[in-house]
Protein backbone atom coordinates (compact mmCIF):
# COMPACT_ATOMS: atom_id res chain seq x y z
CA MET A 1 -11.04 -66.75 31.34
CA LYS A 2 -12.43 -63.21 31.13
CA ILE A 3 -10.01 -60.43 32.05
CA ALA A 4 -10.96 -56.80 32.55
CA VAL A 5 -8.55 -54.13 31.30
CA ALA A 6 -8.81 -50.96 33.42
CA GLN A 7 -7.56 -48.22 31.09
CA ILE A 8 -8.15 -45.41 33.55
CA ASN A 9 -7.07 -41.79 34.08
CA THR A 10 -5.32 -41.36 37.42
CA THR A 11 -3.82 -38.32 39.15
CA VAL A 12 -0.60 -38.18 41.15
CA GLY A 13 -1.36 -38.16 44.87
CA ASP A 14 -5.13 -38.54 44.50
CA PHE A 15 -5.32 -41.80 46.40
CA ALA A 16 -9.05 -41.54 47.05
CA GLY A 17 -9.86 -40.68 43.44
CA ASN A 18 -7.52 -43.28 41.97
CA MET A 19 -8.86 -45.96 44.30
CA ALA A 20 -12.41 -45.01 43.34
CA ARG A 21 -11.55 -45.53 39.68
CA VAL A 22 -10.12 -48.96 40.41
CA LEU A 23 -13.18 -49.91 42.48
CA ASP A 24 -15.49 -48.67 39.74
CA ALA A 25 -13.55 -50.77 37.22
CA MET A 26 -13.96 -53.78 39.54
CA ALA A 27 -17.72 -53.31 39.51
CA LYS A 28 -17.77 -53.08 35.71
CA ALA A 29 -15.52 -56.11 35.46
CA LYS A 30 -17.82 -58.20 37.62
CA ALA A 31 -20.84 -57.05 35.63
CA GLY A 32 -19.07 -58.17 32.47
CA GLY A 33 -18.29 -61.60 33.86
CA ALA A 34 -14.56 -61.02 34.37
CA THR A 35 -12.79 -62.79 37.22
CA LEU A 36 -9.52 -60.87 36.90
CA LEU A 37 -9.02 -57.10 36.68
CA VAL A 38 -5.72 -55.49 35.67
CA ALA A 39 -5.02 -51.82 36.47
CA PRO A 40 -1.96 -49.89 35.20
CA GLU A 41 1.48 -49.24 36.65
CA LEU A 42 1.39 -47.13 39.85
CA ALA A 43 -2.37 -46.74 39.37
CA LEU A 44 -2.99 -46.02 43.05
CA SER A 45 -0.42 -43.23 43.34
CA GLY A 46 -0.48 -41.87 39.80
CA TYR A 47 2.57 -41.66 37.56
CA PRO A 48 5.17 -40.24 37.91
CA PRO A 49 5.04 -39.29 41.62
CA GLU A 50 8.59 -37.90 41.50
CA ASP A 51 9.91 -36.60 44.85
CA LEU A 52 6.61 -37.23 46.60
CA LEU A 53 7.98 -40.75 46.91
CA TYR A 54 10.46 -39.47 49.47
CA ARG A 55 7.60 -38.59 51.83
CA GLU A 56 6.76 -41.18 54.45
CA ASP A 57 3.13 -40.03 54.60
CA PHE A 58 2.83 -40.57 50.83
CA SER A 59 3.91 -44.18 51.29
CA ARG A 60 1.40 -44.64 54.13
CA GLN A 61 -1.46 -43.37 52.00
CA ALA A 62 -0.45 -45.66 49.14
CA GLU A 63 -0.49 -48.67 51.43
CA ALA A 64 -3.86 -47.67 52.92
CA ALA A 65 -5.38 -47.36 49.45
CA LEU A 66 -4.02 -50.78 48.51
CA GLN A 67 -5.55 -52.37 51.59
CA GLN A 68 -8.95 -50.94 50.72
CA VAL A 69 -8.71 -52.29 47.18
CA ALA A 70 -7.65 -55.67 48.56
CA ALA A 71 -10.58 -55.74 50.97
CA ALA A 72 -12.95 -55.17 48.04
CA ALA A 73 -11.37 -57.95 45.97
CA GLN A 74 -14.07 -60.50 46.70
CA GLY A 75 -15.19 -62.75 43.88
CA ILE A 76 -12.59 -61.19 41.60
CA ALA A 77 -8.78 -61.02 41.54
CA VAL A 78 -7.16 -57.63 41.03
CA ILE A 79 -3.66 -56.72 39.92
CA VAL A 80 -2.88 -53.06 40.58
CA GLY A 81 0.28 -50.95 40.46
CA TYR A 82 1.45 -49.05 43.56
CA PRO A 83 4.68 -47.83 45.22
CA ARG A 84 5.67 -50.47 47.77
CA THR A 85 7.90 -49.66 50.72
CA GLU A 86 9.62 -52.35 52.75
CA ARG A 87 12.05 -51.45 55.55
CA GLY A 88 12.66 -48.03 54.05
CA VAL A 89 13.29 -49.32 50.50
CA ARG A 90 10.89 -48.36 47.73
CA TYR A 91 9.81 -50.55 44.82
CA ASN A 92 7.64 -49.93 41.76
CA SER A 93 5.29 -52.82 42.39
CA ALA A 94 2.19 -54.67 41.33
CA ALA A 95 -0.02 -56.23 43.99
CA LEU A 96 -2.13 -59.32 43.45
CA CYS A 97 -5.29 -58.91 45.54
CA ARG A 98 -7.89 -61.63 46.03
CA ASP A 99 -10.10 -63.11 48.72
CA GLY A 100 -10.02 -59.79 50.56
CA LYS A 101 -6.26 -59.52 51.00
CA VAL A 102 -2.95 -58.86 49.25
CA ALA A 103 -1.95 -62.35 48.14
CA ASP A 104 1.38 -61.51 46.49
CA HIS A 105 3.38 -58.77 44.84
CA TYR A 106 5.86 -58.21 42.01
CA ASP A 107 8.65 -55.61 41.98
CA LYS A 108 9.67 -54.02 38.68
CA GLN A 109 13.08 -55.28 37.57
CA LYS A 110 14.12 -52.88 34.81
CA LEU A 111 14.06 -49.25 35.97
CA PRO A 112 14.20 -46.70 33.13
CA ASN A 113 16.57 -43.80 33.68
CA TYR A 114 16.64 -41.81 30.45
CA ARG A 115 14.73 -38.98 28.76
CA VAL A 116 11.67 -38.31 30.98
CA PHE A 117 12.37 -41.28 33.27
CA ASP A 118 14.43 -41.22 36.46
CA GLU A 119 13.15 -44.28 38.33
CA LYS A 120 16.58 -45.21 39.68
CA ARG A 121 16.38 -42.03 41.72
CA TYR A 122 13.40 -43.46 43.62
CA PHE A 123 13.19 -47.23 43.37
CA GLU A 124 15.27 -50.34 43.90
CA ALA A 125 15.02 -53.03 41.26
CA GLY A 126 13.25 -56.31 41.94
CA HIS A 127 14.70 -59.69 40.99
CA VAL A 128 12.01 -62.31 41.55
CA PRO A 129 9.34 -63.19 38.95
CA LEU A 130 5.67 -63.46 39.83
CA VAL A 131 3.65 -66.18 38.12
CA PHE A 132 0.28 -66.88 39.70
CA GLU A 133 -2.46 -69.37 38.96
CA HIS A 134 -5.98 -68.25 38.11
CA GLU A 135 -8.75 -70.52 36.87
CA GLY A 136 -6.23 -73.21 36.06
CA ARG A 137 -3.98 -70.93 33.95
CA ARG A 138 -0.61 -69.48 34.91
CA ILE A 139 -0.05 -65.76 34.38
CA GLY A 140 3.28 -63.94 34.54
CA VAL A 141 3.30 -60.32 35.76
CA THR A 142 5.68 -57.65 34.44
CA ILE A 143 5.77 -53.86 34.64
CA CYS A 144 6.39 -51.58 31.64
CA GLU A 145 10.18 -51.36 31.03
CA ASP A 146 10.56 -55.02 32.01
CA LEU A 147 9.36 -56.16 28.59
CA TRP A 148 11.74 -53.86 26.72
CA PHE A 149 14.38 -56.42 27.76
CA PRO A 150 14.33 -60.22 27.27
CA GLU A 151 15.16 -61.34 30.81
CA PRO A 152 11.92 -60.69 32.80
CA ALA A 153 9.79 -62.36 30.11
CA ALA A 154 12.18 -65.32 30.01
CA GLN A 155 11.98 -65.59 33.81
CA ALA A 156 8.18 -65.68 33.67
CA LYS A 157 8.28 -68.31 30.94
CA ALA A 158 10.70 -70.44 32.96
CA ALA A 159 8.40 -70.16 35.99
CA GLY A 160 5.56 -71.65 33.96
CA ALA A 161 3.69 -68.61 32.66
CA GLU A 162 1.17 -69.17 29.89
CA LEU A 163 0.40 -65.46 29.45
CA LEU A 164 2.58 -62.36 29.83
CA LEU A 165 0.79 -59.54 31.58
CA SER A 166 2.29 -56.03 31.44
CA LEU A 167 1.19 -53.06 33.60
CA ASN A 168 2.24 -49.79 31.99
CA ALA A 169 2.65 -46.05 32.37
CA SER A 170 4.34 -45.26 29.07
CA PRO A 171 4.34 -41.58 28.03
CA TYR A 172 3.10 -40.87 24.53
CA HIS A 173 5.18 -39.48 21.74
CA LEU A 174 4.92 -39.62 17.96
CA ASP A 175 4.63 -43.21 16.69
CA LYS A 176 4.98 -44.63 20.21
CA LEU A 177 2.31 -47.28 19.67
CA ASN A 178 4.21 -48.80 16.75
CA GLU A 179 7.36 -48.85 18.89
CA ARG A 180 5.45 -50.79 21.54
CA TYR A 181 4.14 -53.27 18.98
CA GLU A 182 7.65 -53.92 17.70
CA VAL A 183 9.20 -54.50 21.12
CA MET A 184 6.31 -56.58 22.49
CA ARG A 185 6.34 -58.77 19.38
CA ALA A 186 10.01 -59.47 20.07
CA ARG A 187 9.10 -60.77 23.55
CA VAL A 188 6.30 -62.89 22.08
CA ARG A 189 8.69 -64.40 19.51
CA GLU A 190 11.27 -65.20 22.20
CA THR A 191 8.84 -66.80 24.63
CA GLY A 192 6.07 -68.13 22.40
CA LEU A 193 3.58 -66.63 24.86
CA PRO A 194 0.60 -64.34 24.23
CA LEU A 195 0.77 -60.90 25.81
CA LEU A 196 -1.69 -58.42 27.34
CA TYR A 197 -0.46 -54.83 27.57
CA VAL A 198 -2.50 -52.69 30.02
CA HIS A 199 -1.95 -48.94 29.92
CA TRP A 200 -3.37 -45.79 31.48
CA THR A 201 -4.59 -42.67 29.75
CA GLY A 202 -4.58 -39.00 30.67
CA GLY A 203 -2.30 -36.04 31.31
CA GLN A 204 0.18 -35.46 34.12
CA ASP A 205 1.98 -32.10 33.87
CA GLU A 206 3.82 -32.18 30.52
CA LEU A 207 3.34 -35.91 29.93
CA VAL A 208 0.35 -37.49 28.25
CA PHE A 209 -0.46 -41.19 28.28
CA ASP A 210 -2.38 -42.52 25.33
CA GLY A 211 -4.03 -45.68 26.63
CA ALA A 212 -4.23 -47.88 23.52
CA SER A 213 -3.94 -51.08 25.59
CA PHE A 214 -3.57 -54.14 23.39
CA ALA A 215 -3.01 -57.88 23.17
CA LEU A 216 -0.89 -60.08 20.91
CA ASP A 217 -1.40 -63.79 20.37
CA ALA A 218 1.45 -66.30 20.50
CA ALA A 219 2.21 -65.57 16.84
CA GLY A 220 2.39 -61.80 17.41
CA LYS A 221 -0.95 -61.01 15.78
CA LEU A 222 -2.93 -58.10 17.23
CA THR A 223 -6.01 -59.58 18.90
CA TYR A 224 -7.23 -56.64 21.02
CA GLN A 225 -6.79 -52.89 20.74
CA ALA A 226 -8.28 -50.28 23.05
CA PRO A 227 -8.87 -46.74 21.76
CA SER A 228 -6.29 -44.01 22.26
CA PHE A 229 -6.83 -41.23 24.84
CA ALA A 230 -10.07 -42.66 26.23
CA GLU A 231 -10.96 -44.21 29.57
CA THR A 232 -12.44 -47.66 29.17
CA VAL A 233 -12.91 -50.94 31.01
CA ASP A 234 -12.75 -53.61 28.34
CA ILE A 235 -13.42 -57.31 28.81
CA VAL A 236 -11.07 -59.60 26.93
CA GLU A 237 -11.04 -63.40 26.87
CA PHE A 238 -7.98 -65.58 27.41
CA ALA A 239 -8.45 -68.92 25.70
CA GLY A 240 -5.86 -71.25 24.23
CA SER A 241 -2.86 -69.16 23.18
CA ALA A 242 -4.60 -65.84 22.68
CA VAL A 243 -6.26 -62.95 24.48
CA ALA A 244 -9.04 -61.64 22.27
CA GLY A 245 -11.19 -58.52 22.43
CA SER A 246 -12.49 -55.60 20.41
CA ILE A 247 -10.11 -53.78 18.06
CA ALA A 248 -10.42 -50.00 17.84
CA PRO A 249 -9.74 -48.56 14.36
CA ALA A 250 -6.32 -47.10 13.65
CA GLN A 251 -6.00 -43.29 13.62
CA SER A 252 -3.92 -40.87 11.60
CA LEU A 253 -0.91 -39.19 13.17
CA GLU A 254 -2.73 -35.86 13.14
CA ALA A 255 -5.77 -37.31 14.87
CA THR A 256 -3.70 -38.93 17.61
CA VAL A 257 -1.55 -35.83 18.22
CA TYR A 258 -4.65 -33.63 18.31
CA GLN A 259 -6.25 -35.94 20.90
CA GLY A 260 -3.02 -35.88 22.89
CA LEU A 261 -3.02 -32.08 23.03
CA VAL A 262 -6.70 -31.98 23.99
CA THR A 263 -6.05 -34.53 26.74
CA GLY A 264 -2.98 -32.67 28.01
CA VAL A 265 -4.63 -29.27 28.36
CA ARG A 266 -7.92 -30.66 29.65
CA ASP A 267 -6.26 -32.65 32.44
CA TYR A 268 -3.83 -29.87 33.35
CA VAL A 269 -6.65 -27.35 33.71
CA ASN A 270 -9.12 -29.68 35.42
CA LYS A 271 -6.74 -31.55 37.71
CA ASN A 272 -5.27 -28.26 38.93
CA GLY A 273 -8.70 -26.73 39.52
CA PHE A 274 -8.70 -23.78 37.11
CA PRO A 275 -12.19 -22.54 36.21
CA GLY A 276 -11.23 -21.76 32.63
CA VAL A 277 -8.57 -20.47 30.27
CA LEU A 278 -7.45 -17.21 28.71
CA LEU A 279 -5.45 -16.79 25.53
CA GLY A 280 -4.27 -13.99 23.33
CA LEU A 281 -5.87 -14.36 19.89
CA SER A 282 -3.73 -12.67 17.28
CA GLY A 283 -5.37 -13.72 14.04
CA GLY A 284 -2.40 -15.99 13.34
CA ILE A 285 -2.33 -19.75 12.94
CA ASP A 286 -0.77 -20.67 16.30
CA SER A 287 -3.35 -18.91 18.45
CA ALA A 288 -6.11 -20.11 16.12
CA LEU A 289 -5.09 -23.74 16.66
CA VAL A 290 -4.80 -23.20 20.42
CA LEU A 291 -8.30 -21.71 20.51
CA ALA A 292 -9.72 -24.73 18.67
CA LEU A 293 -7.89 -27.13 21.00
CA VAL A 294 -9.01 -25.53 24.27
CA VAL A 295 -12.62 -25.31 23.11
CA ASP A 296 -12.55 -29.00 22.17
CA ALA A 297 -10.96 -29.78 25.53
CA LEU A 298 -13.07 -27.63 27.86
CA GLY A 299 -16.08 -26.32 25.99
CA LYS A 300 -16.73 -22.78 24.77
CA ASP A 301 -18.06 -21.51 28.10
CA ARG A 302 -14.68 -21.94 29.81
CA VAL A 303 -12.63 -20.10 27.17
CA HIS A 304 -11.93 -16.36 26.93
CA ALA A 305 -10.06 -15.08 23.86
CA VAL A 306 -8.49 -11.63 23.94
CA MET A 307 -7.44 -9.70 20.84
CA MET A 308 -4.95 -6.91 21.62
CA PRO A 309 -4.32 -5.01 18.37
CA SER A 310 -1.62 -2.42 17.79
CA ASP A 311 -0.88 -0.09 14.88
CA TYR A 312 0.97 -2.98 13.25
CA THR A 313 -1.91 -5.43 13.49
CA ALA A 314 -3.37 -6.06 10.03
CA SER A 315 -7.10 -5.48 9.67
CA ILE A 316 -7.49 -9.02 8.35
CA SER A 317 -6.00 -10.35 11.59
CA VAL A 318 -8.79 -8.68 13.56
CA GLU A 319 -11.37 -9.85 11.04
CA ASP A 320 -10.16 -13.46 11.20
CA ALA A 321 -10.06 -13.43 15.01
CA ARG A 322 -13.63 -12.14 15.15
CA GLU A 323 -14.77 -14.77 12.65
CA MET A 324 -13.23 -17.60 14.62
CA VAL A 325 -14.72 -16.57 17.96
CA LYS A 326 -18.08 -16.23 16.23
CA ILE A 327 -17.79 -19.78 14.88
CA LEU A 328 -16.77 -21.22 18.26
CA GLY A 329 -18.95 -19.00 20.44
CA VAL A 330 -16.34 -18.18 23.08
CA LYS A 331 -16.14 -15.07 25.24
CA TYR A 332 -14.16 -12.40 23.40
CA SER A 333 -12.54 -9.09 24.30
CA GLU A 334 -10.59 -6.50 22.32
CA ILE A 335 -8.10 -4.25 24.10
CA ALA A 336 -6.11 -1.82 21.97
CA ILE A 337 -2.55 -1.56 23.28
CA LYS A 338 -1.58 1.72 21.49
CA PRO A 339 -2.23 3.98 24.52
CA MET A 340 -0.14 1.76 26.80
CA PHE A 341 2.63 1.41 24.22
CA GLU A 342 2.82 5.20 23.86
CA ALA A 343 2.89 5.62 27.63
CA PHE A 344 5.78 3.18 27.99
CA ASN A 345 7.70 4.86 25.17
CA ALA A 346 7.19 8.25 26.79
CA ALA A 347 8.37 6.94 30.15
CA LEU A 348 11.50 5.48 28.57
CA ALA A 349 12.24 8.36 26.20
CA ASP A 350 14.99 9.96 28.29
CA ASN A 351 16.72 6.65 28.88
CA PHE A 352 16.51 5.63 25.22
CA LYS A 353 17.49 9.05 23.86
CA GLY A 354 19.80 8.82 20.87
CA ARG A 355 19.08 5.14 20.23
CA ALA A 356 17.10 3.88 17.22
CA GLU A 357 14.04 1.72 17.61
CA ASP A 358 14.80 -2.01 17.47
CA THR A 359 13.49 -5.26 18.89
CA THR A 360 13.13 -3.50 22.25
CA GLU A 361 10.01 -1.71 21.04
CA GLU A 362 8.74 -4.88 19.37
CA ASN A 363 9.10 -6.87 22.57
CA LEU A 364 7.50 -4.09 24.59
CA GLN A 365 4.26 -4.63 22.68
CA SER A 366 4.37 -8.35 23.46
CA ARG A 367 5.06 -7.65 27.14
CA ILE A 368 2.11 -5.28 27.36
CA ARG A 369 -0.10 -8.07 26.03
CA GLY A 370 1.38 -10.54 28.51
CA THR A 371 0.72 -8.14 31.38
CA LEU A 372 -2.90 -7.67 30.34
CA LEU A 373 -3.52 -11.41 30.10
CA MET A 374 -1.90 -12.07 33.47
CA ALA A 375 -3.95 -9.28 35.06
CA MET A 376 -7.13 -10.90 33.77
CA SER A 377 -5.88 -14.26 35.02
CA ASN A 378 -5.37 -12.80 38.50
CA LYS A 379 -8.79 -11.19 38.49
CA PHE A 380 -10.83 -14.16 37.27
CA GLY A 381 -8.69 -17.17 38.16
CA ASP A 382 -8.43 -18.50 34.63
CA ILE A 383 -5.06 -19.85 33.50
CA VAL A 384 -3.31 -18.21 30.54
CA ILE A 385 -2.54 -20.66 27.75
CA THR A 386 0.43 -19.46 25.71
CA THR A 387 0.48 -19.97 21.97
CA GLY A 388 4.17 -20.32 21.02
CA ASN A 389 5.27 -23.41 19.10
CA LYS A 390 8.40 -25.58 19.30
CA SER A 391 10.11 -23.83 16.39
CA GLU A 392 9.84 -20.54 18.29
CA MET A 393 10.86 -22.08 21.61
CA ALA A 394 13.94 -23.59 19.99
CA THR A 395 15.17 -20.39 18.35
CA GLY A 396 14.05 -17.85 20.94
CA TYR A 397 11.54 -16.33 18.54
CA ALA A 398 9.34 -15.52 21.51
CA THR A 399 9.35 -12.74 24.09
CA LEU A 400 10.25 -13.48 27.67
CA TYR A 401 7.49 -12.04 29.91
CA GLY A 402 5.50 -11.34 26.75
CA ASP A 403 3.97 -14.09 24.63
CA MET A 404 5.78 -16.59 26.88
CA ALA A 405 3.88 -15.31 29.94
CA GLY A 406 1.30 -17.82 31.11
CA GLY A 407 0.67 -21.08 32.88
CA PHE A 408 0.62 -23.73 30.16
CA ALA A 409 2.34 -23.79 26.75
CA LEU A 410 0.06 -26.02 24.71
CA LEU A 411 2.10 -26.00 21.47
CA LYS A 412 5.51 -26.05 23.17
CA ASP A 413 6.45 -29.35 21.51
CA ILE A 414 4.63 -28.80 18.20
CA SER A 415 6.78 -27.66 15.28
CA LYS A 416 5.44 -24.98 12.95
CA MET A 417 4.95 -27.44 10.10
CA LEU A 418 2.95 -29.72 12.41
CA VAL A 419 0.86 -26.70 13.45
CA TYR A 420 -0.24 -26.41 9.82
CA ARG A 421 -1.03 -30.12 9.58
CA LEU A 422 -3.08 -30.05 12.79
CA SER A 423 -4.97 -26.93 11.68
CA ASN A 424 -5.94 -28.54 8.40
CA TYR A 425 -6.90 -31.74 10.24
CA ARG A 426 -9.15 -29.85 12.67
CA ASN A 427 -10.97 -28.23 9.78
CA THR A 428 -11.79 -31.68 8.36
CA LEU A 429 -13.89 -32.24 11.51
CA GLY A 430 -15.73 -28.96 10.96
CA ARG A 431 -14.43 -25.61 9.80
CA VAL A 432 -13.27 -23.52 12.75
CA ILE A 433 -10.04 -21.93 11.46
CA PRO A 434 -10.53 -19.49 8.57
CA GLN A 435 -8.58 -20.66 5.53
CA ARG A 436 -6.94 -17.27 5.21
CA VAL A 437 -5.30 -17.81 8.61
CA ILE A 438 -3.72 -21.02 7.33
CA ASP A 439 -2.68 -19.56 3.97
CA ARG A 440 -1.15 -16.24 5.14
CA PRO A 441 2.62 -15.99 5.71
CA PRO A 442 3.17 -16.03 9.50
CA SER A 443 4.04 -12.74 11.19
CA ALA A 444 4.50 -11.46 14.72
CA GLU A 445 3.05 -8.10 13.52
CA LEU A 446 5.35 -6.07 15.75
CA ARG A 447 6.72 -3.81 12.99
CA PRO A 448 5.57 -2.78 9.50
CA ASP A 449 5.36 -5.60 6.92
CA GLN A 450 7.05 -8.07 9.28
CA LYS A 451 7.27 -11.76 8.30
CA ASP A 452 8.71 -14.64 10.36
CA GLN A 453 10.93 -15.59 7.44
CA ASP A 454 12.68 -12.20 7.67
CA SER A 455 14.47 -13.55 10.76
CA LEU A 456 14.25 -17.33 10.43
CA PRO A 457 14.90 -19.92 7.72
CA PRO A 458 11.84 -21.38 5.95
CA TYR A 459 9.97 -23.45 8.51
CA ASP A 460 10.34 -26.76 6.69
CA ILE A 461 14.13 -26.34 6.79
CA LEU A 462 14.16 -24.91 10.32
CA ASP A 463 12.04 -27.72 11.75
CA ALA A 464 14.18 -30.40 10.11
CA ILE A 465 17.36 -28.93 11.59
CA ILE A 466 15.77 -28.62 15.05
CA GLU A 467 14.60 -32.23 14.91
CA ARG A 468 18.03 -33.52 13.94
CA PHE A 469 20.00 -31.44 16.45
CA MET A 470 17.62 -31.36 19.39
CA GLU A 471 15.65 -34.61 19.18
CA GLN A 472 18.23 -36.89 17.53
CA ASP A 473 21.43 -35.34 18.97
CA GLN A 474 23.03 -35.07 15.54
CA SER A 475 26.11 -32.86 15.29
CA PRO A 476 26.08 -29.82 12.99
CA GLU A 477 28.58 -31.51 10.68
CA THR A 478 26.26 -34.52 10.35
CA ILE A 479 23.31 -32.25 9.55
CA ILE A 480 25.37 -30.34 6.97
CA ALA A 481 26.51 -33.64 5.43
CA ALA A 482 22.83 -34.54 5.00
CA GLY A 483 22.51 -31.61 2.57
CA PHE A 484 21.58 -28.62 4.72
CA ASP A 485 23.22 -25.26 4.16
CA ALA A 486 26.17 -24.86 6.54
CA ALA A 487 25.50 -21.23 7.48
CA THR A 488 21.83 -21.98 8.16
CA VAL A 489 22.68 -24.96 10.35
CA ARG A 490 25.20 -22.95 12.37
CA LYS A 491 22.70 -20.13 12.83
CA VAL A 492 19.93 -22.44 14.05
CA VAL A 493 22.24 -24.34 16.41
CA ARG A 494 23.52 -21.07 17.86
CA LEU A 495 19.95 -19.84 18.39
CA ILE A 496 19.04 -23.05 20.19
CA GLN A 497 22.04 -22.69 22.49
CA VAL A 498 21.80 -19.01 23.38
CA ASN A 499 18.07 -19.17 24.18
CA GLU A 500 18.29 -21.84 26.86
CA TYR A 501 17.77 -19.18 29.55
CA LYS A 502 14.43 -18.27 28.00
CA ARG A 503 13.18 -21.85 27.80
CA ARG A 504 14.10 -22.46 31.43
CA GLN A 505 11.52 -19.79 32.34
CA ALA A 506 8.81 -21.02 29.96
CA PRO A 507 5.66 -22.76 31.23
CA VAL A 508 5.30 -26.52 30.93
CA GLY A 509 3.55 -27.85 27.87
CA VAL A 510 2.41 -31.15 26.38
CA ARG A 511 5.26 -33.42 25.28
CA ILE A 512 4.48 -34.87 21.85
CA THR A 513 7.82 -35.65 20.22
CA PRO A 514 10.46 -38.16 21.40
CA ARG A 515 12.25 -35.20 23.01
CA GLY A 516 10.64 -31.98 24.18
CA PHE A 517 11.96 -28.88 25.91
CA GLY A 518 11.05 -30.14 29.36
CA LYS A 519 11.89 -33.12 31.58
CA ASP A 520 14.01 -34.73 28.87
CA TRP A 521 16.01 -31.60 27.88
CA ARG A 522 18.49 -30.76 30.63
CA TYR A 523 21.07 -28.53 29.03
CA PRO A 524 23.05 -26.02 31.11
CA ILE A 525 22.28 -22.35 30.65
CA THR A 526 25.89 -21.33 31.23
CA SER A 527 28.05 -23.29 28.80
CA LYS A 528 31.04 -22.72 26.52
CA TYR A 529 30.38 -25.94 24.62
CA LYS A 530 30.48 -25.47 20.85
CA PRO A 531 29.05 -28.33 18.78
CA GLN A 532 31.46 -29.44 16.05
């Protein structure tokens, strides 16, 4: 039996576009000799639809799209994910379409309700397995979270399934593919059945989905692996106790994360209809990496880099910025902010009389730059991509309405140490970031001889504390017991807490780690809680 895996890139609410992708995959499947096509979880509506699911017209459009797919299912069977509504109750479902109609359906049984997931807000759980016969073989259908628990797979096995089929919309984070392997192998061991895991790829707001569909034989051996972050319609063959197909080579962590960031910004910009992007290029490593990423995502003709030097900007920062834009060939502007900074200081002189200069004047420079970028965004329609990283977002080492001003925060979930790793990785593909940018101590360049480490712990220590406290929910005393300096831990934890109000006003950005400052970080701004 030949099965087509539709690893496609869908968009929430784009019923016509999503349906077209499924129909195109059907044509490719038929051309490849497949008699069964499998599309991902909620492929017709896109994932996650969130509160659009409350709209009755959304449900109508989903059903209409399903009927059109079913009508086209002639000479091939199709399994496709969609939101099913029955008597006012919604289900996360998979439809089996063949012979021009919807022949059956399966409702997801295990609804995730943690981190970025809140499916219990929208769906009711199903209870009945679906095992259908195709070309003399019996196939059991499951949806994503179902196979993270033993019961749905056991149900399918008891109903006579010879193959476990899983439709997925599983957001990417670091090492997620290995997590999937581990859990799916547990289901294979329990049931003795081979498994085909079908996934979608692309970006949806802050989430990215990595594709990487795969199959395991009845012994848990990998027998098919689709590439990460690429649309593809692969033909696999189910024979005996295995589903076999091509196996894409494994990638390094840096390569996968880099592709995830490229996918996230490309789909956010394109799916929302922006003609191009703007970014402030400072000569530092964060903006250098962002420039490389957006050029790889969109092409040089859709990128405009703006250098906005002040009296505190080092000459080498300007030189490095100019070198990088020359290498990449993007549009480039330089706007000196000294006249504006002086005008603001003069306007505020009476109010600030008798007070020494402090971070107010530093932040004013950043806010001037943010205003200039947003003015250019208004004039030309391009979206501003901010350049702050996760280490800065965590500790508030960023200026509200300054370098945080923009529409998409590409490095929002990338720690400073990972910024260095990604920059070095990108240069292995072709030098685009001057080595001096990578080697120089990082600085905001808002006062003379300023260095990040004047205000923050060394980044390797800072990032480790952030990961433990924010991503792993470790208490300060646990982090200190692991060998970290007590005063440093308390300082970092306090900075994370007091800067929640800033992060709540930050743009969305690509989620890369198991927990980012977005959908899966819901801390109150007003709180007297003190971690022990």
